[in-house]
C-alpha atoms as a PDB file:
ATOM      1  CA  MET A   1     315.733 -25.626-165.649  1.00  0.00           C
ATOM      2  CA  ARG A   2     316.698 -22.801-168.008  1.00  0.00           C
ATOM      3  CA  ARG A   3     313.762 -20.462-167.867  1.00  0.00           C
ATOM      4  CA  LYS A   4     312.509 -17.460-165.966  1.00  0.00           C
ATOM      5  CA  ILE A   5     309.764 -18.287-163.489  1.00  0.00           C
ATOM      6  CA  LYS A   6     307.118 -15.611-162.981  1.00  0.00           C
ATOM      7  CA  GLY A   7     304.282 -17.603-161.406  1.00  0.00           C
ATOM      8  CA  VAL A   8     303.637 -20.699-159.289  1.00  0.00           C
ATOM      9  CA  LEU A   9     300.947 -23.363-159.055  1.00  0.00           C
ATOM     10  CA  PHE A  10     300.951 -24.957-155.608  1.00  0.00           C
ATOM     11  CA  ASP A  11     299.504 -28.373-154.952  1.00  0.00           C
ATOM     12  CA  LEU A  12     297.823 -28.331-151.554  1.00  0.00           C
ATOM     13  CA  ASP A  13     297.640 -31.624-149.656  1.00  0.00           C
ATOM     14  CA  GLY A  14     301.129 -32.982-149.098  1.00  0.00           C
ATOM     15  CA  VAL A  15     302.808 -29.704-150.045  1.00  0.00           C
ATOM     16  CA  LEU A  16     301.308 -26.973-147.852  1.00  0.00           C
ATOM     17  CA  TYR A  17     299.882 -29.368-145.269  1.00  0.00           C
ATOM     18  CA  VAL A  18     299.461 -33.036-144.381  1.00  0.00           C
ATOM     19  CA  GLY A  19     296.213 -33.803-142.579  1.00  0.00           C
ATOM     20  CA  ASP A  20     295.678 -30.810-140.318  1.00  0.00           C
ATOM     21  CA  LYS A  21     299.341 -29.917-139.948  1.00  0.00           C
ATOM     22  CA  ILE A  22     301.011 -27.115-141.901  1.00  0.00           C
ATOM     23  CA  VAL A  23     304.322 -28.103-143.498  1.00  0.00           C
ATOM     24  CA  PRO A  24     307.057 -25.918-141.930  1.00  0.00           C
ATOM     25  CA  GLY A  25     308.081 -23.133-144.293  1.00  0.00           C
ATOM     26  CA  THR A  26     304.680 -22.747-145.939  1.00  0.00           C
ATOM     27  CA  HIS A  27     303.974 -19.284-144.516  1.00  0.00           C
ATOM     28  CA  ALA A  28     307.461 -18.019-145.354  1.00  0.00           C
ATOM     29  CA  THR A  29     307.281 -19.267-148.941  1.00  0.00           C
ATOM     30  CA  LEU A  30     303.886 -17.718-149.606  1.00  0.00           C
ATOM     31  CA  ASP A  31     305.106 -14.459-148.042  1.00  0.00           C
ATOM     32  CA  TYR A  32     308.166 -14.572-150.316  1.00  0.00           C
ATOM     33  CA  CYS A  33     305.920 -14.842-153.377  1.00  0.00           C
ATOM     34  CA  ARG A  34     303.725 -11.982-152.221  1.00  0.00           C
ATOM     35  CA  ASP A  35     306.667  -9.751-151.322  1.00  0.00           C
ATOM     36  CA  ASN A  36     308.287 -10.370-154.708  1.00  0.00           C
ATOM     37  CA  HIS A  37     305.053  -9.982-156.688  1.00  0.00           C
ATOM     38  CA  ILE A  38     305.077 -13.590-157.924  1.00  0.00           C
ATOM     39  CA  PRO A  39     301.436 -14.524-158.602  1.00  0.00           C
ATOM     40  CA  PHE A  40     300.279 -17.976-157.561  1.00  0.00           C
ATOM     41  CA  ARG A  41     297.278 -20.281-157.508  1.00  0.00           C
ATOM     42  CA  PHE A  42     296.463 -23.498-155.674  1.00  0.00           C
ATOM     43  CA  ILE A  43     295.500 -26.644-157.572  1.00  0.00           C
ATOM     44  CA  THR A  44     294.026 -29.723-155.964  1.00  0.00           C
ATOM     45  CA  ASN A  45     292.430 -33.032-156.872  1.00  0.00           C
ATOM     46  CA  THR A  46     290.564 -33.040-153.563  1.00  0.00           C
ATOM     47  CA  SER A  47     287.052 -34.233-154.364  1.00  0.00           C
ATOM     48  CA  THR A  48     285.540 -34.244-150.880  1.00  0.00           C
ATOM     49  CA  ARG A  49     285.091 -30.488-150.428  1.00  0.00           C
ATOM     50  CA  THR A  50     283.892 -27.460-152.353  1.00  0.00           C
ATOM     51  CA  VAL A  51     286.373 -24.672-153.083  1.00  0.00           C
ATOM     52  CA  GLY A  52     284.741 -22.603-150.356  1.00  0.00           C
ATOM     53  CA  ASP A  53     285.195 -25.385-147.821  1.00  0.00           C
ATOM     54  CA  ILE A  54     288.847 -25.832-148.829  1.00  0.00           C
ATOM     55  CA  ALA A  55     289.467 -22.097-148.390  1.00  0.00           C
ATOM     56  CA  ASP A  56     287.767 -22.192-144.973  1.00  0.00           C
ATOM     57  CA  LYS A  57     290.040 -25.041-143.858  1.00  0.00           C
ATOM     58  CA  LEU A  58     293.150 -23.218-145.047  1.00  0.00           C
ATOM     59  CA  GLN A  59     292.094 -20.012-143.345  1.00  0.00           C
ATOM     60  CA  ARG A  60     291.524 -21.894-140.072  1.00  0.00           C
ATOM     61  CA  MET A  61     295.090 -23.156-140.454  1.00  0.00           C
ATOM     62  CA  GLY A  62     296.279 -19.561-140.673  1.00  0.00           C
ATOM     63  CA  LEU A  63     296.737 -19.310-144.448  1.00  0.00           C
ATOM     64  CA  GLU A  64     295.373 -16.255-146.236  1.00  0.00           C
ATOM     65  CA  ILE A  65     293.879 -18.086-149.212  1.00  0.00           C
ATOM     66  CA  MET A  66     290.630 -17.094-150.943  1.00  0.00           C
ATOM     67  CA  PRO A  67     288.273 -19.381-152.916  1.00  0.00           C
ATOM     68  CA  ASP A  68     289.115 -17.566-156.166  1.00  0.00           C
ATOM     69  CA  ASP A  69     292.758 -18.618-155.728  1.00  0.00           C
ATOM     70  CA  ILE A  70     291.877 -22.331-155.784  1.00  0.00           C
ATOM     71  CA  PHE A  71     291.325 -24.624-158.774  1.00  0.00           C
ATOM     72  CA  SER A  72     289.796 -27.908-157.652  1.00  0.00           C
ATOM     73  CA  ALA A  73     288.612 -31.091-159.321  1.00  0.00           C
ATOM     74  CA  VAL A  74     285.145 -30.424-157.885  1.00  0.00           C
ATOM     75  CA  SER A  75     284.750 -26.916-159.317  1.00  0.00           C
ATOM     76  CA  ALA A  76     286.269 -27.979-162.644  1.00  0.00           C
ATOM     77  CA  SER A  77     283.853 -30.918-162.885  1.00  0.00           C
ATOM     78  CA  ARG A  78     280.913 -28.610-162.214  1.00  0.00           C
ATOM     79  CA  ASP A  79     282.133 -26.166-164.859  1.00  0.00           C
ATOM     80  CA  PHE A  80     282.518 -28.997-167.388  1.00  0.00           C
ATOM     81  CA  LEU A  81     278.941 -30.144-166.785  1.00  0.00           C
ATOM     82  CA  ARG A  82     277.690 -26.590-167.259  1.00  0.00           C
ATOM     83  CA  GLN A  83     279.044 -26.770-170.805  1.00  0.00           C
ATOM     84  CA  GLN A  84     276.901 -29.814-171.568  1.00  0.00           C
ATOM     85  CA  ASP A  85     273.223 -29.815-172.579  1.00  0.00           C
ATOM     86  CA  ASN A  86     271.446 -29.862-169.184  1.00  0.00           C
ATOM     87  CA  PRO A  87     272.839 -33.285-168.247  1.00  0.00           C
ATOM     88  CA  SER A  88     271.450 -35.616-165.624  1.00  0.00           C
ATOM     89  CA  VAL A  89     274.035 -37.005-163.235  1.00  0.00           C
ATOM     90  CA  HIS A  90     274.675 -39.867-160.855  1.00  0.00           C
ATOM     91  CA  LEU A  91     277.029 -38.466-158.236  1.00  0.00           C
ATOM     92  CA  LEU A  92     279.511 -40.762-156.530  1.00  0.00           C
ATOM     93  CA  ILE A  93     280.897 -38.049-154.269  1.00  0.00           C
ATOM     94  CA  ARG A  94     280.853 -37.139-150.588  1.00  0.00           C
ATOM     95  CA  ASP A  95     277.902 -35.204-149.160  1.00  0.00           C
ATOM     96  CA  SER A  96     280.328 -32.374-148.399  1.00  0.00           C
ATOM     97  CA  ALA A  97     280.780 -31.708-152.143  1.00  0.00           C
ATOM     98  CA  GLN A  98     277.168 -32.213-153.235  1.00  0.00           C
ATOM     99  CA  SER A  99     276.164 -28.546-153.073  1.00  0.00           C
ATOM    100  CA  ASP A 100     278.302 -27.681-156.115  1.00  0.00           C
ATOM    101  CA  PHE A 101     276.038 -29.930-158.219  1.00  0.00           C
ATOM    102  CA  ASP A 102     272.600 -28.917-156.944  1.00  0.00           C
ATOM    103  CA  GLU A 103     271.781 -27.288-160.292  1.00  0.00           C
ATOM    104  CA  PHE A 104     271.888 -30.620-162.150  1.00  0.00           C
ATOM    105  CA  VAL A 105     269.153 -33.255-162.366  1.00  0.00           C
ATOM    106  CA  GLN A 106     270.026 -36.234-160.168  1.00  0.00           C
ATOM    107  CA  ASP A 107     269.330 -39.608-161.798  1.00  0.00           C
ATOM    108  CA  THR A 108     270.538 -42.876-160.302  1.00  0.00           C
ATOM    109  CA  GLN A 109     268.895 -45.040-162.964  1.00  0.00           C
ATOM    110  CA  ASN A 110     269.709 -43.685-166.442  1.00  0.00           C
ATOM    111  CA  PRO A 111     272.014 -40.662-166.037  1.00  0.00           C
ATOM    112  CA  ASP A 112     273.861 -38.882-168.812  1.00  0.00           C
ATOM    113  CA  PHE A 113     277.019 -38.823-166.660  1.00  0.00           C
ATOM    114  CA  VAL A 114     278.328 -40.879-163.765  1.00  0.00           C
ATOM    115  CA  ILE A 115     280.573 -38.569-161.713  1.00  0.00           C
ATOM    116  CA  VAL A 116     283.269 -40.354-159.707  1.00  0.00           C
ATOM    117  CA  GLY A 117     284.915 -38.662-156.756  1.00  0.00           C
ATOM    118  CA  ASP A 118     286.121 -39.859-153.379  1.00  0.00           C
ATOM    119  CA  ILE A 119     283.463 -41.849-151.502  1.00  0.00           C
ATOM    120  CA  GLY A 120     285.860 -43.729-149.246  1.00  0.00           C
ATOM    121  CA  ALA A 121     284.525 -46.991-147.817  1.00  0.00           C
ATOM    122  CA  ALA A 122     281.179 -46.616-149.641  1.00  0.00           C
ATOM    123  CA  TRP A 123     282.613 -48.561-152.594  1.00  0.00           C
ATOM    124  CA  ASN A 124     281.287 -52.101-152.839  1.00  0.00           C
ATOM    125  CA  TYR A 125     280.526 -54.717-155.479  1.00  0.00           C
ATOM    126  CA  LYS A 126     276.828 -53.814-155.635  1.00  0.00           C
ATOM    127  CA  LEU A 127     277.593 -50.153-156.356  1.00  0.00           C
ATOM    128  CA  LEU A 128     280.236 -51.000-158.969  1.00  0.00           C
ATOM    129  CA  ASN A 129     277.798 -53.303-160.750  1.00  0.00           C
ATOM    130  CA  ARG A 130     275.122 -50.609-160.714  1.00  0.00           C
ATOM    131  CA  VAL A 131     277.501 -48.070-162.286  1.00  0.00           C
ATOM    132  CA  PHE A 132     278.632 -50.701-164.801  1.00  0.00           C
ATOM    133  CA  ARG A 133     275.039 -51.175-165.953  1.00  0.00           C
ATOM    134  CA  GLU A 134     274.527 -47.408-166.238  1.00  0.00           C
ATOM    135  CA  LEU A 135     277.619 -47.117-168.421  1.00  0.00           C
ATOM    136  CA  MET A 136     276.521 -50.023-170.608  1.00  0.00           C
ATOM    137  CA  GLU A 137     273.156 -48.324-171.056  1.00  0.00           C
ATOM    138  CA  GLY A 138     274.716 -45.113-172.375  1.00  0.00           C
ATOM    139  CA  ALA A 139     275.996 -43.040-169.470  1.00  0.00           C
ATOM    140  CA  GLU A 140     279.384 -41.334-169.809  1.00  0.00           C
ATOM    141  CA  LEU A 141     282.049 -41.700-167.125  1.00  0.00           C
ATOM    142  CA  LEU A 142     283.501 -38.528-165.621  1.00  0.00           C
ATOM    143  CA  ALA A 143     286.383 -38.884-163.132  1.00  0.00           C
ATOM    144  CA  MET A 144     287.284 -35.955-160.932  1.00  0.00           C
ATOM    145  CA  HIS A 145     290.840 -37.293-161.039  1.00  0.00           C
ATOM    146  CA  MET A 146     292.852 -40.502-161.428  1.00  0.00           C
ATOM    147  CA  ASN A 147     294.970 -40.443-158.286  1.00  0.00           C
ATOM    148  CA  LYS A 148     296.416 -43.822-157.310  1.00  0.00           C
ATOM    149  CA  TYR A 149     296.826 -42.962-153.630  1.00  0.00           C
ATOM    150  CA  TRP A 150     297.141 -40.092-151.206  1.00  0.00           C
ATOM    151  CA  GLN A 151     299.033 -39.350-148.011  1.00  0.00           C
ATOM    152  CA  THR A 152     297.281 -39.301-144.651  1.00  0.00           C
ATOM    153  CA  GLU A 153     298.584 -39.079-141.109  1.00  0.00           C
ATOM    154  CA  GLN A 154     298.241 -42.881-141.039  1.00  0.00           C
ATOM    155  CA  GLY A 155     300.251 -43.379-144.252  1.00  0.00           C
ATOM    156  CA  LEU A 156     299.332 -43.930-147.898  1.00  0.00           C
ATOM    157  CA  GLN A 157     295.676 -44.650-148.678  1.00  0.00           C
ATOM    158  CA  MET A 158     294.242 -45.996-151.924  1.00  0.00           C
ATOM    159  CA  ASP A 159     292.462 -43.362-154.043  1.00  0.00           C
ATOM    160  CA  ILE A 160     289.792 -43.537-156.759  1.00  0.00           C
ATOM    161  CA  GLY A 161     292.030 -44.219-159.777  1.00  0.00           C
ATOM    162  CA  ALA A 162     291.735 -48.003-159.454  1.00  0.00           C
ATOM    163  CA  PHE A 163     287.930 -47.859-159.444  1.00  0.00           C
ATOM    164  CA  VAL A 164     287.892 -45.621-162.517  1.00  0.00           C
ATOM    165  CA  VAL A 165     290.281 -47.925-164.406  1.00  0.00           C
ATOM    166  CA  GLY A 166     288.184 -50.933-163.433  1.00  0.00           C
ATOM    167  CA  LEU A 167     285.009 -49.281-164.715  1.00  0.00           C
ATOM    168  CA  GLU A 168     286.781 -48.341-167.940  1.00  0.00           C
ATOM    169  CA  PHE A 169     287.940 -51.936-168.405  1.00  0.00           C
ATOM    170  CA  VAL A 170     284.548 -53.597-167.943  1.00  0.00           C
ATOM    171  CA  SER A 171     282.516 -50.990-169.853  1.00  0.00           C
ATOM    172  CA  GLY A 172     284.933 -50.312-172.696  1.00  0.00           C
ATOM    173  CA  LYS A 173     284.433 -46.581-172.114  1.00  0.00           C
ATOM    174  CA  GLN A 174     287.184 -44.030-171.565  1.00  0.00           C
ATOM    175  CA  ALA A 175     286.630 -41.727-168.612  1.00  0.00           C
ATOM    176  CA  LYS A 176     286.745 -37.982-169.041  1.00  0.00           C
ATOM    177  CA  VAL A 177     289.340 -36.961-166.440  1.00  0.00           C
ATOM    178  CA  ILE A 178     288.864 -33.451-165.073  1.00  0.00           C
ATOM    179  CA  GLY A 179     291.577 -32.772-162.491  1.00  0.00           C
ATOM    180  CA  LYS A 180     295.330 -33.261-162.621  1.00  0.00           C
ATOM    181  CA  PRO A 181     297.046 -34.393-164.824  1.00  0.00           C
ATOM    182  CA  SER A 182     294.503 -33.032-167.341  1.00  0.00           C
ATOM    183  CA  GLN A 183     296.101 -30.412-169.584  1.00  0.00           C
ATOM    184  CA  THR A 184     292.818 -28.502-169.635  1.00  0.00           C
ATOM    185  CA  PHE A 185     292.988 -28.215-165.848  1.00  0.00           C
ATOM    186  CA  PHE A 186     296.553 -26.864-165.913  1.00  0.00           C
ATOM    187  CA  LYS A 187     295.752 -24.543-168.826  1.00  0.00           C
ATOM    188  CA  LEU A 188     292.901 -22.863-166.948  1.00  0.00           C
ATOM    189  CA  ALA A 189     295.067 -22.375-163.851  1.00  0.00           C
ATOM    190  CA  VAL A 190     297.929 -20.888-165.894  1.00  0.00           C
ATOM    191  CA  GLU A 191     295.598 -18.554-167.780  1.00  0.00           C
ATOM    192  CA  SER A 192     294.298 -17.185-164.486  1.00  0.00           C
ATOM    193  CA  LEU A 193     297.833 -15.951-163.776  1.00  0.00           C
ATOM    194  CA  ASP A 194     297.936 -14.070-167.107  1.00  0.00           C
ATOM    195  CA  LEU A 195     301.229 -15.819-167.907  1.00  0.00           C
ATOM    196  CA  SER A 196     302.436 -18.352-170.452  1.00  0.00           C
ATOM    197  CA  ALA A 197     303.034 -21.963-169.411  1.00  0.00           C
ATOM    198  CA  GLU A 198     306.793 -21.495-169.897  1.00  0.00           C
ATOM    199  CA  GLU A 199     306.760 -18.834-167.163  1.00  0.00           C
ATOM    200  CA  VAL A 200     305.025 -20.992-164.553  1.00  0.00           C
ATOM    201  CA  LEU A 201     306.277 -23.644-162.148  1.00  0.00           C
ATOM    202  CA  VAL A 202     304.156 -26.314-160.469  1.00  0.00           C
ATOM    203  CA  ILE A 203     305.243 -27.664-157.097  1.00  0.00           C
ATOM    204  CA  GLY A 204     303.767 -30.945-155.903  1.00  0.00           C
ATOM    205  CA  ASP A 205     304.303 -34.253-154.119  1.00  0.00           C
ATOM    206  CA  ASP A 206     302.944 -36.495-156.913  1.00  0.00           C
ATOM    207  CA  ILE A 207     305.490 -37.369-159.608  1.00  0.00           C
ATOM    208  CA  GLU A 208     302.833 -38.326-162.173  1.00  0.00           C
ATOM    209  CA  ASN A 209     299.864 -36.022-161.617  1.00  0.00           C
ATOM    210  CA  ASP A 210     301.699 -32.878-160.481  1.00  0.00           C
ATOM    211  CA  ILE A 211     305.055 -33.026-162.246  1.00  0.00           C
ATOM    212  CA  GLY A 212     304.109 -35.205-165.216  1.00  0.00           C
ATOM    213  CA  GLY A 213     300.886 -33.289-165.778  1.00  0.00           C
ATOM    214  CA  GLY A 214     302.725 -29.995-165.484  1.00  0.00           C
ATOM    215  CA  HIS A 215     305.428 -31.041-167.954  1.00  0.00           C
ATOM    216  CA  ALA A 216     302.830 -32.205-170.471  1.00  0.00           C
ATOM    217  CA  SER A 217     301.269 -28.750-170.198  1.00  0.00           C
ATOM    218  CA  GLY A 218     304.565 -26.897-170.700  1.00  0.00           C
ATOM    219  CA  LEU A 219     305.308 -26.029-167.063  1.00  0.00           C
ATOM    220  CA  ALA A 220     308.439 -26.586-165.028  1.00  0.00           C
ATOM    221  CA  GLY A 221     307.949 -29.043-162.172  1.00  0.00           C
ATOM    222  CA  VAL A 222     309.436 -29.158-158.690  1.00  0.00           C
ATOM    223  CA  LEU A 223     308.849 -32.228-156.525  1.00  0.00           C
ATOM    224  CA  VAL A 224     308.802 -32.044-152.726  1.00  0.00           C
ATOM    225  CA  LYS A 225     309.787 -34.871-150.398  1.00  0.00           C
ATOM    226  CA  THR A 226     306.743 -34.326-148.180  1.00  0.00           C
ATOM    227  CA  GLY A 227     303.272 -35.832-148.537  1.00  0.00           C
ATOM    228  CA  LYS A 228     303.056 -38.898-150.783  1.00  0.00           C
ATOM    229  CA  TYR A 229     306.655 -38.644-152.018  1.00  0.00           C
ATOM    230  CA  ARG A 230     308.437 -42.017-152.091  1.00  0.00           C
ATOM    231  CA  GLU A 231     311.970 -42.330-153.467  1.00  0.00           C
ATOM    232  CA  ASP A 232     311.379 -45.739-155.065  1.00  0.00           C
ATOM    233  CA  ILE A 233     308.316 -44.472-156.921  1.00  0.00           C
ATOM    234  CA  VAL A 234     310.235 -41.478-158.260  1.00  0.00           C
ATOM    235  CA  LYS A 235     313.119 -43.676-159.434  1.00  0.00           C
ATOM    236  CA  ALA A 236     310.694 -45.987-161.262  1.00  0.00           C
ATOM    237  CA  SER A 237     308.914 -43.124-163.039  1.00  0.00           C
ATOM    238  CA  ASP A 238     309.695 -41.860-166.540  1.00  0.00           C
ATOM    239  CA  VAL A 239     308.981 -38.324-165.315  1.00  0.00           C
ATOM    240  CA  ILE A 240     312.091 -36.341-164.371  1.00  0.00           C
ATOM    241  CA  PRO A 241     311.391 -33.298-162.167  1.00  0.00           C
ATOM    242  CA  ASP A 242     313.250 -30.073-162.861  1.00  0.00           C
ATOM    243  CA  ALA A 243     314.205 -30.114-159.193  1.00  0.00           C
ATOM    244  CA  ILE A 244     313.567 -32.205-156.076  1.00  0.00           C
ATOM    245  CA  ILE A 245     313.543 -30.349-152.768  1.00  0.00           C
ATOM    246  CA  ASP A 246     313.001 -31.385-149.168  1.00  0.00           C
ATOM    247  CA  SER A 247     309.909 -29.238-148.720  1.00  0.00           C
ATOM    248  CA  ILE A 248     308.096 -26.072-149.734  1.00  0.00           C
ATOM    249  CA  ALA A 249     310.524 -24.185-147.456  1.00  0.00           C
ATOM    250  CA  ASP A 250     313.224 -24.578-150.120  1.00  0.00           C
ATOM    251  CA  LEU A 251     311.194 -23.115-152.991  1.00  0.00           C
ATOM    252  CA  PRO A 252     312.223 -19.437-152.543  1.00  0.00           C
ATOM    253  CA  GLU A 253     315.839 -20.361-153.319  1.00  0.00           C
ATOM    254  CA  ILE A 254     314.763 -21.863-156.646  1.00  0.00           C
ATOM    255  CA  LEU A 255     312.539 -18.915-157.497  1.00  0.00           C
ATOM    256  CA  GLU A 256     315.310 -16.467-156.616  1.00  0.00           C
ATOM    257  CA  SER A 257     317.698 -18.176-159.044  1.00  0.00           C
ATOM    258  CA  HIS A 258     315.169 -18.193-161.904  1.00  0.00           C
ATOM    259  CA  ARG A 259     313.782 -14.668-161.792  1.00  0.00           C
END
């Protein structure tokens, strides 16, 4: 990695915390960035909470993080819809994220957009068939992200990517993907730092969405061995991180050597 790093994009789940447990070294690394005037933002594909709710959780965990510091798939999806012509929507998201979409007309029969987020065990064949019919009748498919899986305290859990791909396959429609690895998503986060992509590093636990998405957007990428990291998955990937570290605790050493 032959570049000067002036800003950082932190993935959240799996990097700063797993479940309700802070990854050791998180506080020290964020303090290092603050003390050395290295601006940072937090980027997440979490689709079950609003940005405000995410900030509240982080603050309860002892992290001084404000809503304006967070770029989420939920807020980005809302902002995308605001750019459309008063669209009607069918929301496949948790109740906890619904408030961000109160301004849009809800239509579960003939919507302009079907919005896919994390609904957990609510997926079933009847619901998939209903969405399939809506897509065939003209609705567009908007995916908050395309994650394959995510790390929980019980191990890896399947995420929404498989459902989105299945809906794409049967409908013949390509989903508009809002969160990581979307280049638009990374571009907005980088611009908020008032830096160029070449000056920013993304640190994450997902080789494809975090590191691959960051590389495609011109950022350096550092992979951590916490969260969903699996050595066999990394070895099988075409994405080559600029560095692989044990955890967020090791990031200050990298930043110090690339200032």
